[in-house]
Amino acid sequence: MTQPYDLEDRTFAFARRVRAFLKTLPRTLTNTEDARQLTRASGSVGANYIEASEAVSKRDFVLRIKICRKEAKEARYWLRLVDIGENRAAASERDALVQEATELPRIFGAILRNTASR
């Protein structure tokens, strides 16, 4: 799947895919709790990117991008933790989401490096 280049769209698509993925998981107490955390973290990536795009200062921008990076890493943690049961399709989607949650912090890290060099 080709990833969108617009980060606002890409982070939105990530949050939507996470929500669709969560609907396929076994309903257990731990998955319920982990899903809540994952939902928050995955949505926070995009929400903070929007905030960064509207930042009123360079300092504010850097702070929001750092939060984006942190939330993407947290989403990756929760994705790895949820129980997928025996669902092979869910395993494949989780792997793809973990990959996206690995790429996003790298992108935000590059943004931070480019911003610092200016």
N, C-alpha and C. Protein backbone atom coordinates (compact mmCIF):
# COMPACT_ATOMS: atom_id res chain seq x y z
N MET A 1 0.84 -1.19 0.00
CA MET A 1 0.00 0.00 0.00
C MET A 1 0.88 1.24 0.00
N THR A 2 0.63 2.16 -0.88
CA THR A 2 1.37 3.40 -0.94
C THR A 2 0.88 4.32 0.17
N GLN A 3 1.83 4.88 0.89
CA GLN A 3 1.49 5.77 1.98
C GLN A 3 1.23 7.19 1.45
N PRO A 4 0.22 7.87 2.00
CA PRO A 4 0.01 9.25 1.59
C PRO A 4 1.18 10.13 2.03
N TYR A 5 1.50 11.14 1.26
CA TYR A 5 2.62 12.02 1.60
C TYR A 5 2.20 13.13 2.54
N ASP A 6 0.93 13.49 2.54
CA ASP A 6 0.46 14.52 3.45
C ASP A 6 0.36 13.90 4.84
N LEU A 7 1.12 14.44 5.78
CA LEU A 7 1.16 13.85 7.12
C LEU A 7 -0.16 13.96 7.85
N GLU A 8 -0.91 15.00 7.60
CA GLU A 8 -2.22 15.10 8.24
C GLU A 8 -3.12 13.95 7.78
N ASP A 9 -3.12 13.68 6.48
CA ASP A 9 -3.90 12.56 5.95
C ASP A 9 -3.35 11.22 6.44
N ARG A 10 -2.05 11.11 6.47
CA ARG A 10 -1.41 9.85 6.86
C ARG A 10 -1.70 9.53 8.33
N THR A 11 -1.61 10.52 9.20
CA THR A 11 -1.89 10.27 10.61
C THR A 11 -3.37 9.99 10.85
N PHE A 12 -4.22 10.62 10.07
CA PHE A 12 -5.66 10.35 10.16
C PHE A 12 -5.94 8.91 9.72
N ALA A 13 -5.34 8.51 8.60
CA ALA A 13 -5.53 7.14 8.10
C ALA A 13 -5.02 6.12 9.12
N PHE A 14 -3.92 6.43 9.78
CA PHE A 14 -3.39 5.54 10.81
C PHE A 14 -4.40 5.36 11.94
N ALA A 15 -4.94 6.45 12.43
CA ALA A 15 -5.92 6.38 13.53
C ALA A 15 -7.17 5.61 13.09
N ARG A 16 -7.63 5.82 11.87
CA ARG A 16 -8.80 5.09 11.36
C ARG A 16 -8.53 3.60 11.25
N ARG A 17 -7.34 3.25 10.73
CA ARG A 17 -6.98 1.84 10.59
C ARG A 17 -6.87 1.16 11.95
N VAL A 18 -6.33 1.88 12.92
CA VAL A 18 -6.25 1.32 14.28
C VAL A 18 -7.64 1.01 14.80
N ARG A 19 -8.57 1.92 14.61
CA ARG A 19 -9.93 1.71 15.11
C ARG A 19 -10.60 0.52 14.42
N ALA A 20 -10.40 0.39 13.12
CA ALA A 20 -10.96 -0.77 12.40
C ALA A 20 -10.31 -2.07 12.88
N PHE A 21 -9.02 -2.04 13.10
CA PHE A 21 -8.29 -3.21 13.61
C PHE A 21 -8.82 -3.63 14.97
N LEU A 22 -9.06 -2.67 15.84
CA LEU A 22 -9.51 -2.99 17.19
C LEU A 22 -10.86 -3.71 17.19
N LYS A 23 -11.68 -3.44 16.21
CA LYS A 23 -12.99 -4.10 16.12
C LYS A 23 -12.86 -5.59 15.82
N THR A 24 -11.70 -6.03 15.34
CA THR A 24 -11.51 -7.44 14.98
C THR A 24 -10.94 -8.27 16.12
N LEU A 25 -10.58 -7.63 17.22
CA LEU A 25 -9.90 -8.33 18.31
C LEU A 25 -10.86 -9.07 19.23
N PRO A 26 -10.36 -10.12 19.88
CA PRO A 26 -11.17 -10.80 20.90
C PRO A 26 -11.54 -9.82 22.01
N ARG A 27 -12.73 -9.95 22.51
CA ARG A 27 -13.19 -9.05 23.58
C ARG A 27 -12.79 -9.65 24.93
N THR A 28 -11.66 -9.18 25.41
CA THR A 28 -11.17 -9.60 26.72
C THR A 28 -10.97 -8.35 27.57
N LEU A 29 -10.84 -8.55 28.86
CA LEU A 29 -10.63 -7.42 29.76
C LEU A 29 -9.35 -6.68 29.41
N THR A 30 -8.27 -7.42 29.17
CA THR A 30 -7.00 -6.75 28.85
C THR A 30 -7.06 -6.04 27.51
N ASN A 31 -7.71 -6.65 26.52
CA ASN A 31 -7.83 -5.98 25.22
C ASN A 31 -8.66 -4.71 25.34
N THR A 32 -9.67 -4.73 26.18
CA THR A 32 -10.49 -3.54 26.36
C THR A 32 -9.65 -2.39 26.90
N GLU A 33 -8.84 -2.68 27.90
CA GLU A 33 -7.99 -1.64 28.49
C GLU A 33 -6.90 -1.21 27.51
N ASP A 34 -6.25 -2.17 26.86
CA ASP A 34 -5.19 -1.85 25.91
C ASP A 34 -5.76 -1.07 24.72
N ALA A 35 -6.96 -1.44 24.28
CA ALA A 35 -7.59 -0.75 23.15
C ALA A 35 -7.86 0.71 23.48
N ARG A 36 -8.26 0.98 24.70
CA ARG A 36 -8.49 2.38 25.10
C ARG A 36 -7.20 3.19 24.96
N GLN A 37 -6.13 2.62 25.47
CA GLN A 37 -4.84 3.31 25.40
C GLN A 37 -4.39 3.50 23.94
N LEU A 38 -4.57 2.44 23.15
CA LEU A 38 -4.18 2.49 21.74
C LEU A 38 -5.01 3.50 20.97
N THR A 39 -6.29 3.54 21.25
CA THR A 39 -7.17 4.51 20.59
C THR A 39 -6.70 5.93 20.88
N ARG A 40 -6.42 6.21 22.14
CA ARG A 40 -5.97 7.56 22.52
C ARG A 40 -4.65 7.92 21.84
N ALA A 41 -3.68 7.01 21.93
CA ALA A 41 -2.36 7.29 21.37
C ALA A 41 -2.42 7.48 19.86
N SER A 42 -3.13 6.60 19.17
CA SER A 42 -3.18 6.69 17.71
C SER A 42 -3.87 7.97 17.24
N GLY A 43 -4.90 8.38 17.93
CA GLY A 43 -5.58 9.63 17.58
C GLY A 43 -4.79 10.86 17.93
N SER A 44 -4.02 10.76 19.00
CA SER A 44 -3.23 11.89 19.46
C SER A 44 -2.11 12.25 18.49
N VAL A 45 -1.61 11.27 17.75
CA VAL A 45 -0.55 11.56 16.77
C VAL A 45 -1.05 12.62 15.79
N GLY A 46 -2.18 12.38 15.17
CA GLY A 46 -2.71 13.31 14.18
C GLY A 46 -3.19 14.62 14.78
N ALA A 47 -3.82 14.53 15.94
CA ALA A 47 -4.32 15.74 16.59
C ALA A 47 -3.17 16.69 16.92
N ASN A 48 -2.08 16.14 17.41
CA ASN A 48 -0.93 16.98 17.74
C ASN A 48 -0.22 17.48 16.49
N TYR A 49 -0.28 16.70 15.41
CA TYR A 49 0.30 17.19 14.16
C TYR A 49 -0.48 18.40 13.65
N ILE A 50 -1.80 18.35 13.77
CA ILE A 50 -2.62 19.51 13.39
C ILE A 50 -2.25 20.72 14.26
N GLU A 51 -2.08 20.48 15.56
CA GLU A 51 -1.66 21.56 16.46
C GLU A 51 -0.30 22.12 16.03
N ALA A 52 0.62 21.23 15.66
CA ALA A 52 1.95 21.68 15.22
C ALA A 52 1.85 22.53 13.96
N SER A 53 0.97 22.12 13.06
CA SER A 53 0.79 22.87 11.81
C SER A 53 0.27 24.28 12.05
N GLU A 54 -0.41 24.46 13.16
CA GLU A 54 -0.96 25.77 13.51
C GLU A 54 -0.18 26.45 14.63
N ALA A 55 1.04 25.99 14.86
CA ALA A 55 1.84 26.52 15.97
C ALA A 55 2.08 28.02 15.81
N VAL A 56 2.12 28.69 16.94
CA VAL A 56 2.32 30.14 16.94
C VAL A 56 3.80 30.51 17.08
N SER A 57 4.64 29.54 17.38
CA SER A 57 6.07 29.79 17.50
C SER A 57 6.84 28.53 17.16
N LYS A 58 8.12 28.70 16.92
CA LYS A 58 8.98 27.54 16.64
C LYS A 58 9.02 26.61 17.85
N ARG A 59 9.07 27.18 19.02
CA ARG A 59 9.10 26.38 20.25
C ARG A 59 7.83 25.53 20.39
N ASP A 60 6.69 26.13 20.11
CA ASP A 60 5.42 25.41 20.16
C ASP A 60 5.40 24.30 19.12
N PHE A 61 5.88 24.60 17.92
CA PHE A 61 5.95 23.61 16.85
C PHE A 61 6.80 22.41 17.28
N VAL A 62 7.97 22.67 17.80
CA VAL A 62 8.88 21.60 18.23
C VAL A 62 8.23 20.76 19.32
N LEU A 63 7.58 21.39 20.27
CA LEU A 63 6.92 20.66 21.35
C LEU A 63 5.85 19.72 20.80
N ARG A 64 5.02 20.21 19.89
CA ARG A 64 3.94 19.39 19.32
C ARG A 64 4.49 18.23 18.50
N ILE A 65 5.56 18.47 17.75
CA ILE A 65 6.15 17.39 16.95
C ILE A 65 6.75 16.33 17.88
N LYS A 66 7.35 16.77 18.98
CA LYS A 66 7.88 15.80 19.96
C LYS A 66 6.75 14.97 20.56
N ILE A 67 5.61 15.58 20.79
CA ILE A 67 4.45 14.84 21.30
C ILE A 67 3.96 13.84 20.25
N CYS A 68 3.93 14.26 18.99
CA CYS A 68 3.55 13.34 17.90
C CYS A 68 4.45 12.11 17.91
N ARG A 69 5.74 12.34 18.02
CA ARG A 69 6.70 11.24 18.03
C ARG A 69 6.47 10.32 19.22
N LYS A 70 6.25 10.92 20.38
CA LYS A 70 6.01 10.14 21.60
C LYS A 70 4.74 9.31 21.50
N GLU A 71 3.68 9.89 21.00
CA GLU A 71 2.40 9.19 20.89
C GLU A 71 2.47 8.06 19.86
N ALA A 72 3.21 8.25 18.77
CA ALA A 72 3.38 7.18 17.79
C ALA A 72 4.14 6.01 18.40
N LYS A 73 5.15 6.31 19.19
CA LYS A 73 5.89 5.24 19.88
C LYS A 73 4.99 4.52 20.87
N GLU A 74 4.16 5.27 21.57
CA GLU A 74 3.22 4.66 22.52
C GLU A 74 2.22 3.77 21.78
N ALA A 75 1.73 4.23 20.65
CA ALA A 75 0.79 3.42 19.87
C ALA A 75 1.44 2.11 19.45
N ARG A 76 2.70 2.18 19.05
CA ARG A 76 3.43 0.97 18.68
C ARG A 76 3.49 0.00 19.86
N TYR A 77 3.73 0.50 21.04
CA TYR A 77 3.77 -0.33 22.25
C TYR A 77 2.45 -1.05 22.46
N TRP A 78 1.34 -0.31 22.43
CA TRP A 78 0.02 -0.90 22.65
C TRP A 78 -0.34 -1.87 21.54
N LEU A 79 0.04 -1.58 20.30
CA LEU A 79 -0.21 -2.51 19.20
C LEU A 79 0.48 -3.84 19.44
N ARG A 80 1.69 -3.78 19.92
CA ARG A 80 2.43 -5.02 20.18
C ARG A 80 1.85 -5.79 21.35
N LEU A 81 1.15 -5.10 22.23
CA LEU A 81 0.64 -5.71 23.45
C LEU A 81 -0.73 -6.38 23.28
N VAL A 82 -1.56 -5.87 22.40
CA VAL A 82 -2.92 -6.42 22.29
C VAL A 82 -2.90 -7.89 21.86
N ASP A 83 -3.91 -8.62 22.31
CA ASP A 83 -4.05 -10.04 22.01
C ASP A 83 -4.89 -10.20 20.75
N ILE A 84 -4.31 -10.81 19.72
CA ILE A 84 -5.03 -10.99 18.47
C ILE A 84 -5.67 -12.37 18.38
N GLY A 85 -5.43 -13.22 19.36
CA GLY A 85 -5.98 -14.57 19.31
C GLY A 85 -5.36 -15.35 18.16
N GLU A 86 -6.17 -16.11 17.46
CA GLU A 86 -5.69 -16.94 16.34
C GLU A 86 -5.97 -16.30 14.99
N ASN A 87 -6.36 -15.04 14.97
CA ASN A 87 -6.77 -14.35 13.76
C ASN A 87 -5.55 -13.94 12.92
N ARG A 88 -5.30 -14.67 11.85
CA ARG A 88 -4.14 -14.38 10.99
C ARG A 88 -4.27 -13.03 10.27
N ALA A 89 -5.49 -12.69 9.89
CA ALA A 89 -5.69 -11.39 9.23
C ALA A 89 -5.37 -10.26 10.20
N ALA A 90 -5.78 -10.44 11.46
CA ALA A 90 -5.47 -9.42 12.47
C ALA A 90 -3.96 -9.34 12.70
N ALA A 91 -3.29 -10.47 12.65
CA ALA A 91 -1.83 -10.47 12.83
C ALA A 91 -1.16 -9.69 11.70
N SER A 92 -1.64 -9.88 10.49
CA SER A 92 -1.08 -9.17 9.35
C SER A 92 -1.33 -7.67 9.46
N GLU A 93 -2.55 -7.29 9.84
CA GLU A 93 -2.87 -5.87 9.98
C GLU A 93 -2.08 -5.26 11.13
N ARG A 94 -1.94 -6.00 12.23
CA ARG A 94 -1.15 -5.48 13.34
C ARG A 94 0.29 -5.23 12.89
N ASP A 95 0.87 -6.16 12.15
CA ASP A 95 2.24 -5.97 11.66
C ASP A 95 2.35 -4.72 10.81
N ALA A 96 1.36 -4.49 9.95
CA ALA A 96 1.36 -3.30 9.10
C ALA A 96 1.23 -2.03 9.95
N LEU A 97 0.38 -2.08 10.96
CA LEU A 97 0.21 -0.91 11.83
C LEU A 97 1.45 -0.66 12.68
N VAL A 98 2.09 -1.72 13.14
CA VAL A 98 3.35 -1.56 13.88
C VAL A 98 4.39 -0.92 12.98
N GLN A 99 4.44 -1.34 11.71
CA GLN A 99 5.38 -0.74 10.77
C GLN A 99 5.10 0.76 10.60
N GLU A 100 3.84 1.12 10.46
CA GLU A 100 3.49 2.54 10.34
C GLU A 100 3.84 3.29 11.62
N ALA A 101 3.60 2.66 12.77
CA ALA A 101 3.92 3.29 14.06
C ALA A 101 5.43 3.33 14.29
N THR A 102 6.19 2.64 13.49
CA THR A 102 7.65 2.72 13.53
C THR A 102 8.14 3.81 12.59
N GLU A 103 7.49 3.95 11.45
CA GLU A 103 7.88 4.96 10.46
C GLU A 103 7.52 6.38 10.91
N LEU A 104 6.37 6.53 11.54
CA LEU A 104 5.94 7.88 11.94
C LEU A 104 6.94 8.57 12.88
N PRO A 105 7.43 7.92 13.93
CA PRO A 105 8.42 8.60 14.77
C PRO A 105 9.69 8.98 14.02
N ARG A 106 10.06 8.17 13.04
CA ARG A 106 11.24 8.52 12.22
C ARG A 106 10.98 9.80 11.42
N ILE A 107 9.78 9.90 10.88
CA ILE A 107 9.42 11.10 10.13
C ILE A 107 9.43 12.32 11.05
N PHE A 108 8.82 12.18 12.22
CA PHE A 108 8.79 13.31 13.15
C PHE A 108 10.19 13.66 13.65
N GLY A 109 11.03 12.64 13.82
CA GLY A 109 12.43 12.90 14.20
C GLY A 109 13.16 13.69 13.12
N ALA A 110 12.91 13.35 11.86
CA ALA A 110 13.53 14.09 10.75
C ALA A 110 13.03 15.53 10.72
N ILE A 111 11.75 15.72 10.99
CA ILE A 111 11.20 17.08 11.05
C ILE A 111 11.90 17.87 12.14
N LEU A 112 12.11 17.24 13.30
CA LEU A 112 12.78 17.91 14.41
C LEU A 112 14.22 18.27 14.04
N ARG A 113 14.92 17.34 13.40
CA ARG A 113 16.33 17.63 12.99
C ARG A 113 16.38 18.78 11.99
N ASN A 114 15.44 18.78 11.03
CA ASN A 114 15.42 19.85 10.03
C ASN A 114 15.06 21.19 10.67
N THR A 115 14.17 21.15 11.64
CA THR A 115 13.78 22.39 12.31
C THR A 115 14.92 22.94 13.15
N ALA A 116 15.66 22.06 13.80
CA ALA A 116 16.78 22.49 14.64
C ALA A 116 17.92 23.07 13.81
N SER A 117 18.06 22.59 12.58
CA SER A 117 19.16 23.06 11.74
C SER A 117 18.88 24.42 11.10
N ARG A 118 17.66 24.91 11.24
CA ARG A 118 17.28 26.20 10.64
C ARG A 118 17.60 27.34 11.56
